[in-house]
Amino acid sequence: MESFFTEHHASLVQLRREIHQHPELGFEEFKTSEKVKTILTQLGIPYIDNLGETGIVATITGQQQDNGRRIGLRADMDALPLQEKNTHDYASNVAGCMHACGHDGHTTILVGVAQYLAQHRDFSGTIYLIFQPAEEGRGGGDRMVKDGLFTRFPMDEIYGLHNWPYLAAGKIAVLDGPAMAAGDRLAISIRGLGGHGGATPHLTIDPVRISADLITTLHTIIGREIAPLDQAVLSLCAIQSGDMNAFNVIPDTAEIIGTVRTFKPGIQDQMEAAIKRICAGVAATYGADISVDYQCIIPATINTPACAQFVRETIEANFADGTLDTETPPTFGGEDFSYMLNQVPGAYIFLGSARHDEDEPLHSPHFDFNDDVIPTGAKLLTVTALNALER
């Protein structure tokens, strides 16, 4: 198997760089999905498309007597609204759009799996290859589930991976339970009463002052209401109020935008309740009106412990000693593979991709997927699926 992916490495790198050069945002992956469908057709692998708008599900059935087992493998296809700053010859040719998270690599890895399985069908059961759109905050995983992913393609287990530039290339990590956090969106609107900042500030209800008090108070929730060991993040990332050219005008309104990250649903609920209570209290203190729009965007990505243990055993049996990493912690980044794990047992795997200690992080305009890990990722998903069919 390893020699197969080594033999096809060059062509897979070429595919990855073609996808990188032509990035598409969520639900707009028309060229990417056409490229994937063309390859699947050439391989003789049947598929359905337009599931979750631009999503694809390919079906590979083993040639041995069917054992009734059904395993899913998933990769995401979308890019980010970001201007690339790399200068290599395959840099994005779409202004304001780039593959800054490695989804071009994930798609390529799953294509590599398809190439191998098309030629090696000596197994029992069925493997589904899921090419998902719109992972980057647009709800592609949720859309595929709602469009009947698991009713049309029942699965016993599902697996996915993410390249991880915070872990050395060649290393692989899989966690029990929470792997990535729930991602919530928080929007706070403050309405006060504007006026003259010099002559009559005492007649105003100053939303700028209220914002300062509110931001400070909200940041006391973690560590005072949420126990430190319960792990939560609150980041208030943007504030807008007034006009920078109006140095003596107190505005009427202010807006604060942020995010909340948690691993446990109970802590998520506690954070929402505390934020709303504090906002109501500050509003009453200053005589302002404060509204809170709290949206649960992405649930936490929680691995099934038995599936995570199975993947660890698969890594130890099929890769060199030292490949399995046991030190990688959960991350407060979000991942909408969580919608699929909420329906079917499975695990999300971190594929180490760091070339050195100064690799660019995910979502950087200088990020570029490490092509060297394509064979490792393809082998990992392939042996995971084949072994899972025999469980």
Protein backbone atom coordinates (compact mmCIF):
# COMPACT_ATOMS: atom_id res chain seq x y z
CA MET A 1 0.00 0.00 0.00
CA GLU A 2 2.74 2.44 0.95
CA SER A 3 4.51 1.89 -2.37
CA PHE A 4 1.25 2.66 -4.21
CA PHE A 5 0.95 6.11 -2.65
CA THR A 6 4.65 6.76 -3.16
CA GLU A 7 4.27 5.85 -6.83
CA HIS A 8 1.30 8.23 -7.22
CA HIS A 9 2.74 10.97 -5.04
CA ALA A 10 3.86 13.25 -7.88
CA SER A 11 0.47 13.21 -9.61
CA LEU A 12 -1.31 13.82 -6.31
CA VAL A 13 0.95 16.80 -5.60
CA GLN A 14 0.07 18.17 -9.02
CA LEU A 15 -3.64 17.77 -8.24
CA ARG A 16 -3.25 19.45 -4.86
CA ARG A 17 -1.51 22.44 -6.39
CA GLU A 18 -4.12 22.75 -9.14
CA ILE A 19 -6.83 22.90 -6.47
CA HIS A 20 -4.74 25.39 -4.50
CA GLN A 21 -4.40 27.63 -7.53
CA HIS A 22 -8.18 27.68 -8.09
CA PRO A 23 -9.72 28.07 -4.60
CA GLU A 24 -13.47 28.35 -4.06
CA LEU A 25 -15.49 29.45 -1.06
CA GLY A 26 -18.11 27.30 0.65
CA PHE A 27 -21.01 26.14 -1.55
CA GLU A 28 -19.12 27.53 -4.55
CA GLU A 29 -16.74 24.57 -5.06
CA PHE A 30 -17.92 23.99 -8.63
CA LYS A 31 -14.51 23.57 -10.29
CA THR A 32 -13.16 21.53 -7.37
CA SER A 33 -16.11 19.16 -7.35
CA GLU A 34 -15.97 18.80 -11.16
CA LYS A 35 -12.31 17.86 -10.89
CA VAL A 36 -13.12 15.24 -8.24
CA LYS A 37 -16.02 13.84 -10.26
CA THR A 38 -13.87 13.57 -13.38
CA ILE A 39 -11.32 11.50 -11.48
CA LEU A 40 -14.01 9.29 -9.92
CA THR A 41 -15.49 8.66 -13.37
CA GLN A 42 -12.07 7.72 -14.76
CA LEU A 43 -11.64 5.28 -11.86
CA GLY A 44 -15.04 3.72 -12.47
CA ILE A 45 -16.32 4.72 -9.02
CA PRO A 46 -20.03 5.62 -8.86
CA TYR A 47 -21.02 8.77 -6.99
CA ILE A 48 -23.87 11.15 -6.35
CA ASP A 49 -23.35 14.89 -6.40
CA ASN A 50 -25.17 18.03 -5.21
CA LEU A 51 -25.62 16.63 -1.71
CA GLY A 52 -25.31 19.68 0.51
CA GLU A 53 -25.27 21.76 -2.70
CA THR A 54 -21.76 20.96 -3.99
CA GLY A 55 -21.01 17.85 -1.95
CA ILE A 56 -20.13 14.45 -3.41
CA VAL A 57 -20.50 10.92 -2.01
CA ALA A 58 -18.68 8.12 -3.83
CA THR A 59 -19.40 4.44 -3.18
CA ILE A 60 -16.74 1.73 -3.32
CA THR A 61 -18.01 -1.81 -2.75
CA GLY A 62 -15.67 -4.68 -1.97
CA GLN A 63 -15.56 -7.74 -4.20
CA GLN A 64 -15.68 -10.20 -1.30
CA GLN A 65 -18.99 -11.40 0.14
CA ASP A 66 -20.74 -8.43 1.71
CA ASN A 67 -20.48 -8.39 5.50
CA GLY A 68 -22.95 -5.53 5.89
CA ARG A 69 -20.35 -3.08 7.21
CA ARG A 70 -20.40 0.52 5.94
CA ILE A 71 -17.56 2.98 6.68
CA GLY A 72 -17.35 6.67 5.74
CA LEU A 73 -14.28 8.79 5.04
CA ARG A 74 -14.66 12.56 4.77
CA ALA A 75 -12.62 15.45 3.33
CA ASP A 76 -13.52 19.14 3.04
CA MET A 77 -13.09 21.12 -0.21
CA ASP A 78 -13.61 24.84 0.50
CA ALA A 79 -11.14 27.72 0.79
CA LEU A 80 -11.09 30.90 2.89
CA PRO A 81 -11.84 34.56 2.06
CA LEU A 82 -8.20 35.55 2.43
CA GLN A 83 -5.65 37.18 0.13
CA GLU A 84 -2.71 34.84 -0.39
CA LYS A 85 0.77 36.29 0.20
CA ASN A 86 2.79 33.32 -1.05
CA THR A 87 4.74 33.78 -4.28
CA HIS A 88 5.11 30.19 -5.51
CA ASP A 89 3.99 29.39 -9.03
CA TYR A 90 0.78 27.69 -7.89
CA ALA A 91 -0.41 30.53 -5.64
CA SER A 92 -4.10 31.38 -5.75
CA ASN A 93 -5.21 33.15 -8.89
CA VAL A 94 -8.48 34.24 -7.25
CA ALA A 95 -8.28 37.60 -5.53
CA GLY A 96 -9.28 37.47 -1.87
CA CYS A 97 -9.58 33.66 -1.76
CA MET A 98 -7.02 31.00 -0.82
CA HIS A 99 -6.58 27.54 0.63
CA ALA A 100 -5.16 28.65 3.97
CA CYS A 101 -6.33 25.63 5.98
CA GLY A 102 -5.18 22.70 3.84
CA HIS A 103 -8.54 21.57 2.49
CA ASP A 104 -6.83 21.28 -0.90
CA GLY A 105 -4.60 18.67 0.72
CA HIS A 106 -7.51 16.88 2.41
CA THR A 107 -9.39 16.59 -0.89
CA THR A 108 -6.25 15.28 -2.59
CA ILE A 109 -5.66 12.69 0.13
CA LEU A 110 -9.19 11.32 -0.29
CA VAL A 111 -8.69 11.19 -4.06
CA GLY A 112 -5.58 9.11 -3.36
CA VAL A 113 -7.69 6.74 -1.27
CA ALA A 114 -10.13 6.44 -4.18
CA GLN A 115 -7.29 5.59 -6.56
CA TYR A 116 -6.04 2.81 -4.29
CA LEU A 117 -9.44 1.28 -3.53
CA ALA A 118 -10.45 1.34 -7.20
CA GLN A 119 -7.60 -1.09 -7.85
CA HIS A 120 -7.76 -3.07 -4.59
CA ARG A 121 -11.31 -4.22 -3.92
CA ASP A 122 -10.45 -7.45 -2.15
CA PHE A 123 -12.47 -6.57 0.93
CA SER A 124 -15.97 -7.10 2.32
CA GLY A 125 -18.37 -4.23 2.86
CA THR A 126 -18.66 -0.70 1.50
CA ILE A 127 -16.58 2.45 1.87
CA TYR A 128 -18.13 5.85 1.25
CA LEU A 129 -15.91 8.78 0.26
CA ILE A 130 -17.48 12.07 1.31
CA PHE A 131 -16.25 15.28 -0.31
CA GLN A 132 -17.84 18.00 1.83
CA PRO A 133 -18.39 21.65 0.91
CA ALA A 134 -18.41 24.73 3.12
CA GLU A 135 -16.60 23.64 6.27
CA GLU A 136 -15.34 27.15 7.02
CA GLY A 137 -18.28 28.45 9.03
CA ARG A 138 -20.95 28.00 6.37
CA GLY A 139 -22.41 24.77 7.69
CA GLY A 140 -21.59 22.33 4.91
CA GLY A 141 -21.44 19.36 7.27
CA ASP A 142 -24.83 20.24 8.72
CA ARG A 143 -26.27 20.70 5.22
CA MET A 144 -25.08 17.28 4.06
CA VAL A 145 -26.59 15.62 7.13
CA LYS A 146 -29.90 17.44 6.61
CA ASP A 147 -29.86 16.49 2.92
CA GLY A 148 -29.87 12.82 3.93
CA LEU A 149 -26.21 11.82 4.05
CA PHE A 150 -26.79 9.07 6.61
CA THR A 151 -30.29 8.08 5.53
CA ARG A 152 -29.17 7.59 1.93
CA PHE A 153 -25.80 6.15 2.94
CA PRO A 154 -26.10 4.43 6.34
CA MET A 155 -22.69 4.14 8.02
CA ASP A 156 -21.43 2.20 11.00
CA GLU A 157 -18.51 4.59 11.55
CA ILE A 158 -17.03 7.71 9.97
CA TYR A 159 -13.48 9.10 9.98
CA GLY A 160 -11.79 12.29 8.85
CA LEU A 161 -8.47 14.04 9.27
CA HIS A 162 -6.97 17.51 9.40
CA ASN A 163 -3.41 18.45 8.60
CA TRP A 164 -1.84 19.81 11.78
CA PRO A 165 1.11 22.22 11.36
CA TYR A 166 1.56 22.24 15.15
CA LEU A 167 2.69 18.60 15.06
CA ALA A 168 5.80 17.27 13.31
CA ALA A 169 5.25 15.81 9.84
CA GLY A 170 4.89 12.04 10.05
CA LYS A 171 3.28 12.12 13.48
CA ILE A 172 -0.41 11.28 13.95
CA ALA A 173 -2.65 12.06 16.92
CA VAL A 174 -6.20 11.00 17.78
CA LEU A 175 -7.90 12.02 21.00
CA ASP A 176 -10.57 10.41 23.15
CA GLY A 177 -13.68 12.57 23.52
CA PRO A 178 -13.40 16.28 22.66
CA ALA A 179 -10.93 17.05 19.88
CA MET A 180 -12.16 20.48 18.75
CA ALA A 181 -14.41 23.00 20.44
CA ALA A 182 -17.92 24.25 19.85
CA GLY A 183 -17.79 27.62 18.10
CA ASP A 184 -20.42 30.17 19.11
CA ARG A 185 -20.93 33.68 17.70
CA LEU A 186 -21.67 36.52 20.09
CA ALA A 187 -23.04 39.92 18.99
CA ILE A 188 -23.81 42.59 21.58
CA SER A 189 -25.70 45.77 20.65
CA ILE A 190 -25.62 48.69 23.07
CA ARG A 191 -28.06 51.60 22.68
CA GLY A 192 -27.50 54.61 24.88
CA LEU A 193 -27.99 58.33 24.33
CA GLY A 194 -25.41 60.41 22.51
CA GLY A 195 -24.52 64.04 22.99
CA HIS A 196 -21.75 66.58 23.35
CA GLY A 197 -18.59 65.15 24.86
CA GLY A 198 -17.52 68.49 26.30
CA ALA A 199 -20.59 70.58 27.14
CA THR A 200 -23.15 67.99 28.24
CA PRO A 201 -21.56 64.56 28.84
CA HIS A 202 -23.65 64.24 32.01
CA LEU A 203 -26.80 64.17 29.90
CA THR A 204 -25.67 61.20 27.84
CA ILE A 205 -25.81 57.45 28.30
CA ASP A 206 -22.36 56.77 26.90
CA PRO A 207 -22.13 53.47 24.96
CA VAL A 208 -18.34 53.71 24.74
CA ARG A 209 -18.00 53.83 28.52
CA ILE A 210 -20.57 51.06 28.85
CA SER A 211 -18.62 48.93 26.35
CA ALA A 212 -15.45 49.31 28.42
CA ASP A 213 -17.22 48.20 31.60
CA LEU A 214 -19.01 45.38 29.81
CA ILE A 215 -15.85 43.97 28.19
CA THR A 216 -14.00 43.96 31.51
CA THR A 217 -16.89 42.34 33.36
CA LEU A 218 -17.54 39.65 30.74
CA HIS A 219 -13.94 38.52 30.97
CA THR A 220 -14.46 37.64 34.64
CA ILE A 221 -16.83 34.77 33.75
CA ILE A 222 -14.01 32.32 33.04
CA GLY A 223 -12.17 31.64 36.26
CA ARG A 224 -14.95 33.01 38.49
CA GLU A 225 -18.10 31.34 37.18
CA ILE A 226 -16.54 28.72 34.91
CA ALA A 227 -13.99 26.55 36.68
CA PRO A 228 -10.55 26.73 35.02
CA LEU A 229 -10.50 22.96 34.53
CA ASP A 230 -13.79 23.13 32.58
CA GLN A 231 -11.99 24.87 29.69
CA ALA A 232 -13.70 27.73 27.91
CA VAL A 233 -12.60 30.70 25.82
CA LEU A 234 -14.32 34.06 25.45
CA SER A 235 -12.82 36.44 22.91
CA LEU A 236 -14.38 39.81 22.15
CA CYS A 237 -12.77 40.46 18.81
CA ALA A 238 -14.23 43.69 17.44
CA ILE A 239 -15.94 46.86 18.66
CA GLN A 240 -17.47 49.68 16.63
CA SER A 241 -18.86 52.95 17.94
CA GLY A 242 -18.91 56.56 16.90
CA ASP A 243 -16.85 58.41 14.31
CA MET A 244 -13.08 58.74 14.63
CA ASN A 245 -13.33 62.25 13.15
CA ALA A 246 -15.88 63.37 15.74
CA PHE A 247 -13.60 63.76 18.75
CA ASN A 248 -16.23 65.53 20.87
CA VAL A 249 -19.35 63.57 19.95
CA ILE A 250 -20.59 60.79 22.21
CA PRO A 251 -22.43 58.28 19.96
CA ASP A 252 -25.77 56.63 20.53
CA THR A 253 -24.71 53.04 19.91
CA ALA A 254 -21.89 50.51 20.11
CA GLU A 255 -21.50 46.99 18.72
CA ILE A 256 -19.29 44.22 20.09
CA ILE A 257 -18.59 40.96 18.24
CA GLY A 258 -16.88 37.89 19.64
CA THR A 259 -16.75 34.15 19.99
CA VAL A 260 -17.19 31.58 22.75
CA ARG A 261 -15.46 28.19 22.62
CA THR A 262 -16.31 25.22 24.86
CA PHE A 263 -16.02 21.44 24.87
CA LYS A 264 -19.02 20.54 27.05
CA PRO A 265 -22.67 21.39 26.25
CA GLY A 266 -23.31 22.25 29.92
CA ILE A 267 -20.47 24.76 29.97
CA GLN A 268 -21.68 26.19 26.66
CA ASP A 269 -25.11 26.80 28.19
CA GLN A 270 -23.55 28.28 31.33
CA MET A 271 -21.47 30.72 29.25
CA GLU A 272 -24.51 31.91 27.29
CA ALA A 273 -26.56 32.42 30.45
CA ALA A 274 -23.78 34.32 32.22
CA ILE A 275 -23.16 36.62 29.25
CA LYS A 276 -26.85 37.50 28.96
CA ARG A 277 -27.18 38.06 32.72
CA ILE A 278 -24.17 40.37 32.88
CA CYS A 279 -25.33 42.35 29.86
CA ALA A 280 -28.75 42.81 31.48
CA GLY A 281 -27.10 43.92 34.73
CA VAL A 282 -24.81 46.46 33.05
CA ALA A 283 -27.76 47.79 31.04
CA ALA A 284 -29.72 48.33 34.25
CA THR A 285 -26.74 50.01 35.92
CA TYR A 286 -26.32 52.62 33.18
CA GLY A 287 -29.91 52.92 31.99
CA ALA A 288 -29.02 51.64 28.54
CA ASP A 289 -30.55 49.02 26.32
CA ILE A 290 -28.29 46.02 25.60
CA SER A 291 -29.33 43.14 23.36
CA VAL A 292 -27.42 39.88 22.93
CA ASP A 293 -27.50 37.70 19.82
CA TYR A 294 -25.90 34.40 20.85
CA GLN A 295 -25.67 31.78 18.10
CA CYS A 296 -24.35 28.23 18.44
CA ILE A 297 -22.61 27.93 15.07
CA ILE A 298 -20.67 24.65 15.32
CA PRO A 299 -20.99 21.90 17.97
CA ALA A 300 -17.92 20.42 19.60
CA THR A 301 -16.10 17.69 17.68
CA ILE A 302 -16.24 14.74 20.06
CA ASN A 303 -14.56 11.48 19.10
CA THR A 304 -16.10 8.17 20.07
CA PRO A 305 -13.55 6.72 22.54
CA ALA A 306 -13.78 3.19 21.11
CA CYS A 307 -13.20 4.51 17.57
CA ALA A 308 -10.30 6.69 18.72
CA GLN A 309 -8.69 3.68 20.41
CA PHE A 310 -9.22 1.63 17.25
CA VAL A 311 -7.42 4.30 15.19
CA ARG A 312 -4.52 4.37 17.65
CA GLU A 313 -4.20 0.59 17.38
CA THR A 314 -4.34 0.86 13.58
CA ILE A 315 -1.55 3.45 13.60
CA GLU A 316 0.65 1.32 15.85
CA ALA A 317 0.09 -1.75 13.65
CA ASN A 318 0.65 -0.06 10.29
CA PHE A 319 3.14 2.74 10.82
CA ALA A 320 6.66 3.02 12.22
CA ASP A 321 7.31 3.16 15.95
CA GLY A 322 6.92 6.69 17.24
CA THR A 323 4.33 7.71 14.66
CA LEU A 324 1.52 7.84 17.21
CA ASP A 325 1.59 11.07 19.20
CA THR A 326 -0.06 11.07 22.63
CA GLU A 327 0.73 14.64 23.71
CA THR A 328 -1.43 16.69 21.35
CA PRO A 329 -4.19 18.45 23.35
CA PRO A 330 -7.70 19.33 22.18
CA THR A 331 -7.92 22.60 20.27
CA PHE A 332 -10.36 25.48 20.62
CA GLY A 333 -10.63 25.66 16.86
CA GLY A 334 -13.97 24.56 15.43
CA GLU A 335 -14.74 21.87 12.84
CA ASP A 336 -18.12 21.00 11.37
CA PHE A 337 -17.24 17.33 11.01
CA SER A 338 -18.90 17.51 14.43
CA TYR A 339 -22.30 17.37 12.74
CA MET A 340 -21.41 13.97 11.32
CA LEU A 341 -19.97 12.67 14.59
CA ASN A 342 -23.22 13.70 16.28
CA GLN A 343 -24.98 11.15 14.05
CA VAL A 344 -22.47 8.31 13.65
CA PRO A 345 -19.61 6.94 15.80
CA GLY A 346 -16.17 7.84 14.57
CA ALA A 347 -13.06 9.92 15.10
CA TYR A 348 -11.27 12.99 13.80
CA ILE A 349 -7.52 12.56 13.35
CA PHE A 350 -4.69 15.11 13.42
CA LEU A 351 -2.08 14.48 10.72
CA GLY A 352 1.20 16.15 11.62
CA SER A 353 2.44 18.40 8.81
CA ALA A 354 5.05 20.70 10.36
CA ARG A 355 8.28 20.91 8.37
CA HIS A 356 10.04 22.84 11.14
CA ASP A 357 9.27 24.90 14.23
CA GLU A 358 8.42 28.04 12.30
CA ASP A 359 5.71 26.68 10.00
CA GLU A 360 2.91 29.10 9.20
CA PRO A 361 -0.25 28.46 11.22
CA LEU A 362 -3.61 27.56 9.76
CA HIS A 363 -5.53 30.53 8.29
CA SER A 364 -2.32 32.48 7.65
CA PRO A 365 -1.98 34.21 4.24
CA HIS A 366 1.42 32.48 4.02
CA PHE A 367 0.14 28.97 4.82
CA ASP A 368 0.77 26.19 2.32
CA PHE A 369 -0.13 22.53 2.78
CA ASN A 370 2.86 20.22 3.18
CA ASP A 371 2.71 17.90 0.16
CA ASP A 372 5.12 15.48 1.80
CA VAL A 373 2.36 14.13 4.07
CA ILE A 374 -0.05 13.17 1.26
CA PRO A 375 1.07 9.51 1.18
CA THR A 376 0.86 9.25 4.99
CA GLY A 377 -2.64 10.72 5.06
CA ALA A 378 -3.88 8.52 2.22
CA LYS A 379 -2.46 5.38 3.80
CA LEU A 380 -3.92 6.38 7.19
CA LEU A 381 -7.47 6.77 5.89
CA THR A 382 -7.23 3.65 3.73
CA VAL A 383 -6.03 1.26 6.43
CA THR A 384 -8.47 2.83 8.90
CA ALA A 385 -11.42 2.15 6.59
CA LEU A 386 -10.31 -1.36 5.61
CA ASN A 387 -9.64 -2.39 9.20
CA ALA A 388 -12.92 -0.85 10.36
CA LEU A 389 -14.78 -3.01 7.84
CA GLU A 390 -13.41 -6.07 9.62
CA ARG A 391 -14.26 -4.95 13.13
